[in-house]
Amino acid sequence: MIAPAKSISTAKNVLGGPLATCSRSPMTGFLRTGCCETSDEDHGSHTVCAVMTEEFLEFSVARGNDLVTPRLQWGFPGLKPGDRWCLCAARWQEAFDAGMAPKVVLEACHEACLTIVDLDDLKVHAAND
């Protein structure tokens, strides 16, 4: 018996196009696919593909979300500046409100984040890579 083909994701990014990969090294995403896909189980809406900076990582640690320390038991290597990571939309918004928002990869930000963050704010913080 031939196995059915895997379905192709129809997820859209904030610009209306297909959702691009955020990062596979380190592997990111709530579903650990490398994309900022979301599901009903993703209560944090990990839908913003952000490029880590030293300033943002320090901000996040100060807010109780340590993204720097490796947690190898969970397969988390710890992040460093330059890494891309699927952030919770509310955390990105919190950083934006505090003037600490990291750059984002628009093509890799899931459209679901637009229920929490404003597209114009994301565009102002678009990474140029």
C-alpha atoms as a PDB file:
ATOM      1  CA  MET A   1       0.000   0.000   0.000  1.00  0.00           C
ATOM      2  CA  ILE A   2       1.289   3.442  -0.893  1.00  0.00           C
ATOM      3  CA  ALA A   3       1.312   5.980   1.933  1.00  0.00           C
ATOM      4  CA  PRO A   4      -0.600   9.183   1.248  1.00  0.00           C
ATOM      5  CA  ALA A   5       1.492  12.222   0.456  1.00  0.00           C
ATOM      6  CA  LYS A   6       2.087  14.623   3.310  1.00  0.00           C
ATOM      7  CA  SER A   7      -0.112  17.649   3.084  1.00  0.00           C
ATOM      8  CA  ILE A   8       1.631  20.857   2.166  1.00  0.00           C
ATOM      9  CA  SER A   9       1.216  23.600   4.726  1.00  0.00           C
ATOM     10  CA  THR A  10      -1.122  26.343   3.664  1.00  0.00           C
ATOM     11  CA  ALA A  11       0.039  28.665   6.446  1.00  0.00           C
ATOM     12  CA  LYS A  12       0.357  32.285   5.387  1.00  0.00           C
ATOM     13  CA  ASN A  13       2.779  34.942   6.535  1.00  0.00           C
ATOM     14  CA  VAL A  14       1.891  38.491   7.562  1.00  0.00           C
ATOM     15  CA  LEU A  15       2.325  39.676   3.967  1.00  0.00           C
ATOM     16  CA  GLY A  16      -0.176  37.108   2.649  1.00  0.00           C
ATOM     17  CA  GLY A  17       2.380  34.806   1.045  1.00  0.00           C
ATOM     18  CA  PRO A  18       3.453  31.300   2.040  1.00  0.00           C
ATOM     19  CA  LEU A  19       5.023  31.008   5.486  1.00  0.00           C
ATOM     20  CA  ALA A  20       8.825  30.805   5.155  1.00  0.00           C
ATOM     21  CA  THR A  21      11.162  28.908   7.452  1.00  0.00           C
ATOM     22  CA  CYS A  22      12.367  30.915  10.437  1.00  0.00           C
ATOM     23  CA  SER A  23      15.265  28.697  11.578  1.00  0.00           C
ATOM     24  CA  ARG A  24      16.357  25.088  11.567  1.00  0.00           C
ATOM     25  CA  SER A  25      19.591  25.822  13.439  1.00  0.00           C
ATOM     26  CA  PRO A  26      18.569  26.274  16.131  1.00  0.00           C
ATOM     27  CA  MET A  27      15.346  24.392  15.388  1.00  0.00           C
ATOM     28  CA  THR A  28      12.468  26.666  16.300  1.00  0.00           C
ATOM     29  CA  GLY A  29       8.705  26.874  16.225  1.00  0.00           C
ATOM     30  CA  PHE A  30       6.084  25.652  18.657  1.00  0.00           C
ATOM     31  CA  LEU A  31       5.855  22.487  16.552  1.00  0.00           C
ATOM     32  CA  ARG A  32       9.669  22.377  16.090  1.00  0.00           C
ATOM     33  CA  THR A  33       9.401  22.407  12.312  1.00  0.00           C
ATOM     34  CA  GLY A  34      11.612  25.443  11.797  1.00  0.00           C
ATOM     35  CA  CYS A  35       8.525  27.541  11.009  1.00  0.00           C
ATOM     36  CA  CYS A  36       6.456  29.812  13.237  1.00  0.00           C
ATOM     37  CA  GLU A  37       3.396  27.655  12.724  1.00  0.00           C
ATOM     38  CA  THR A  38       0.756  27.577  15.417  1.00  0.00           C
ATOM     39  CA  SER A  39      -1.957  25.266  16.660  1.00  0.00           C
ATOM     40  CA  ASP A  40      -4.736  25.215  19.236  1.00  0.00           C
ATOM     41  CA  GLU A  41      -2.186  23.923  21.774  1.00  0.00           C
ATOM     42  CA  ASP A  42       0.070  26.959  21.224  1.00  0.00           C
ATOM     43  CA  HIS A  43      -1.373  29.211  23.900  1.00  0.00           C
ATOM     44  CA  GLY A  44       1.603  31.583  23.581  1.00  0.00           C
ATOM     45  CA  SER A  45       1.149  32.096  19.828  1.00  0.00           C
ATOM     46  CA  HIS A  46       4.822  31.519  18.880  1.00  0.00           C
ATOM     47  CA  THR A  47       4.264  33.276  15.569  1.00  0.00           C
ATOM     48  CA  VAL A  48       6.838  36.091  15.292  1.00  0.00           C
ATOM     49  CA  CYS A  49      10.138  35.153  13.641  1.00  0.00           C
ATOM     50  CA  ALA A  50      12.633  37.397  15.411  1.00  0.00           C
ATOM     51  CA  VAL A  51      16.373  37.888  15.037  1.00  0.00           C
ATOM     52  CA  MET A  52      17.873  37.788  18.509  1.00  0.00           C
ATOM     53  CA  THR A  53      19.937  40.695  19.814  1.00  0.00           C
ATOM     54  CA  GLU A  54      21.926  40.980  23.024  1.00  0.00           C
ATOM     55  CA  GLU A  55      19.548  43.717  24.179  1.00  0.00           C
ATOM     56  CA  PHE A  56      16.423  41.664  23.555  1.00  0.00           C
ATOM     57  CA  LEU A  57      17.875  38.541  25.188  1.00  0.00           C
ATOM     58  CA  GLU A  58      18.743  40.574  28.300  1.00  0.00           C
ATOM     59  CA  PHE A  59      15.245  42.109  28.274  1.00  0.00           C
ATOM     60  CA  SER A  60      13.668  38.666  28.018  1.00  0.00           C
ATOM     61  CA  VAL A  61      15.742  37.278  30.906  1.00  0.00           C
ATOM     62  CA  ALA A  62      14.781  40.296  33.026  1.00  0.00           C
ATOM     63  CA  ARG A  63      11.109  39.555  32.257  1.00  0.00           C
ATOM     64  CA  GLY A  64      11.472  35.941  33.424  1.00  0.00           C
ATOM     65  CA  ASN A  65      11.915  34.242  30.051  1.00  0.00           C
ATOM     66  CA  ASP A  66      15.518  33.012  29.891  1.00  0.00           C
ATOM     67  CA  LEU A  67      16.236  32.258  26.249  1.00  0.00           C
ATOM     68  CA  VAL A  68      20.005  32.244  26.785  1.00  0.00           C
ATOM     69  CA  THR A  69      20.626  29.294  29.112  1.00  0.00           C
ATOM     70  CA  PRO A  70      20.748  25.922  27.332  1.00  0.00           C
ATOM     71  CA  ARG A  71      18.107  23.418  28.473  1.00  0.00           C
ATOM     72  CA  LEU A  72      19.499  20.322  26.837  1.00  0.00           C
ATOM     73  CA  GLN A  73      16.939  18.063  28.514  1.00  0.00           C
ATOM     74  CA  TRP A  74      14.333  19.822  26.338  1.00  0.00           C
ATOM     75  CA  GLY A  75      16.549  20.043  23.259  1.00  0.00           C
ATOM     76  CA  PHE A  76      16.988  23.801  23.729  1.00  0.00           C
ATOM     77  CA  PRO A  77      20.532  24.979  22.942  1.00  0.00           C
ATOM     78  CA  GLY A  78      20.144  28.517  24.323  1.00  0.00           C
ATOM     79  CA  LEU A  79      20.068  31.493  21.992  1.00  0.00           C
ATOM     80  CA  LYS A  80      22.686  34.028  21.045  1.00  0.00           C
ATOM     81  CA  PRO A  81      22.582  37.266  19.061  1.00  0.00           C
ATOM     82  CA  GLY A  82      21.878  36.596  15.394  1.00  0.00           C
ATOM     83  CA  ASP A  83      19.818  33.445  16.009  1.00  0.00           C
ATOM     84  CA  ARG A  84      16.300  33.434  14.598  1.00  0.00           C
ATOM     85  CA  TRP A  85      13.551  32.260  16.945  1.00  0.00           C
ATOM     86  CA  CYS A  86       9.753  32.026  16.907  1.00  0.00           C
ATOM     87  CA  LEU A  87       8.712  34.356  19.710  1.00  0.00           C
ATOM     88  CA  CYS A  88       5.368  34.593  21.403  1.00  0.00           C
ATOM     89  CA  ALA A  89       3.533  37.470  19.759  1.00  0.00           C
ATOM     90  CA  ALA A  90       2.713  38.993  23.152  1.00  0.00           C
ATOM     91  CA  ARG A  91       6.412  38.900  24.187  1.00  0.00           C
ATOM     92  CA  TRP A  92       7.389  40.705  20.972  1.00  0.00           C
ATOM     93  CA  GLN A  93       4.649  43.275  21.616  1.00  0.00           C
ATOM     94  CA  GLU A  94       5.870  43.714  25.196  1.00  0.00           C
ATOM     95  CA  ALA A  95       9.410  44.297  23.907  1.00  0.00           C
ATOM     96  CA  PHE A  96       8.088  46.704  21.274  1.00  0.00           C
ATOM     97  CA  ASP A  97       6.222  48.716  23.917  1.00  0.00           C
ATOM     98  CA  ALA A  98       9.460  48.882  25.959  1.00  0.00           C
ATOM     99  CA  GLY A  99      11.546  49.976  22.958  1.00  0.00           C
ATOM    100  CA  MET A 100      13.432  46.638  22.929  1.00  0.00           C
ATOM    101  CA  ALA A 101      11.797  44.775  20.023  1.00  0.00           C
ATOM    102  CA  PRO A 102      14.153  42.690  17.908  1.00  0.00           C
ATOM    103  CA  LYS A 103      14.075  42.728  14.109  1.00  0.00           C
ATOM    104  CA  VAL A 104      11.655  40.320  12.449  1.00  0.00           C
ATOM    105  CA  VAL A 105      11.604  38.240   9.264  1.00  0.00           C
ATOM    106  CA  LEU A 106       8.238  39.210   7.779  1.00  0.00           C
ATOM    107  CA  GLU A 107       8.036  36.256   5.386  1.00  0.00           C
ATOM    108  CA  ALA A 108       8.475  33.899   8.365  1.00  0.00           C
ATOM    109  CA  CYS A 109       5.990  35.594  10.744  1.00  0.00           C
ATOM    110  CA  HIS A 110       2.694  33.697  10.814  1.00  0.00           C
ATOM    111  CA  GLU A 111      -0.375  35.781   9.988  1.00  0.00           C
ATOM    112  CA  ALA A 112      -1.922  34.752  13.336  1.00  0.00           C
ATOM    113  CA  CYS A 113       0.424  37.173  15.117  1.00  0.00           C
ATOM    114  CA  LEU A 114      -1.592  40.044  13.628  1.00  0.00           C
ATOM    115  CA  THR A 115      -4.280  39.468  16.254  1.00  0.00           C
ATOM    116  CA  ILE A 116      -1.720  40.725  18.800  1.00  0.00           C
ATOM    117  CA  VAL A 117       0.800  42.891  16.926  1.00  0.00           C
ATOM    118  CA  ASP A 118       0.338  45.543  14.256  1.00  0.00           C
ATOM    119  CA  LEU A 119       1.677  44.888  10.762  1.00  0.00           C
ATOM    120  CA  ASP A 120       3.076  48.422  10.516  1.00  0.00           C
ATOM    121  CA  ASP A 121       5.082  47.849  13.718  1.00  0.00           C
ATOM    122  CA  LEU A 122       6.465  44.612  12.294  1.00  0.00           C
ATOM    123  CA  LYS A 123       7.370  46.352   9.032  1.00  0.00           C
ATOM    124  CA  VAL A 124       9.327  49.041  10.895  1.00  0.00           C
ATOM    125  CA  HIS A 125      11.314  46.221  12.524  1.00  0.00           C
ATOM    126  CA  ALA A 126      11.843  44.154   9.370  1.00  0.00           C
ATOM    127  CA  ALA A 127      15.272  42.536   9.118  1.00  0.00           C
ATOM    128  CA  ASN A 128      17.241  43.333   6.000  1.00  0.00           C
ATOM    129  CA  ASP A 129      18.618  39.897   5.237  1.00  0.00           C
END
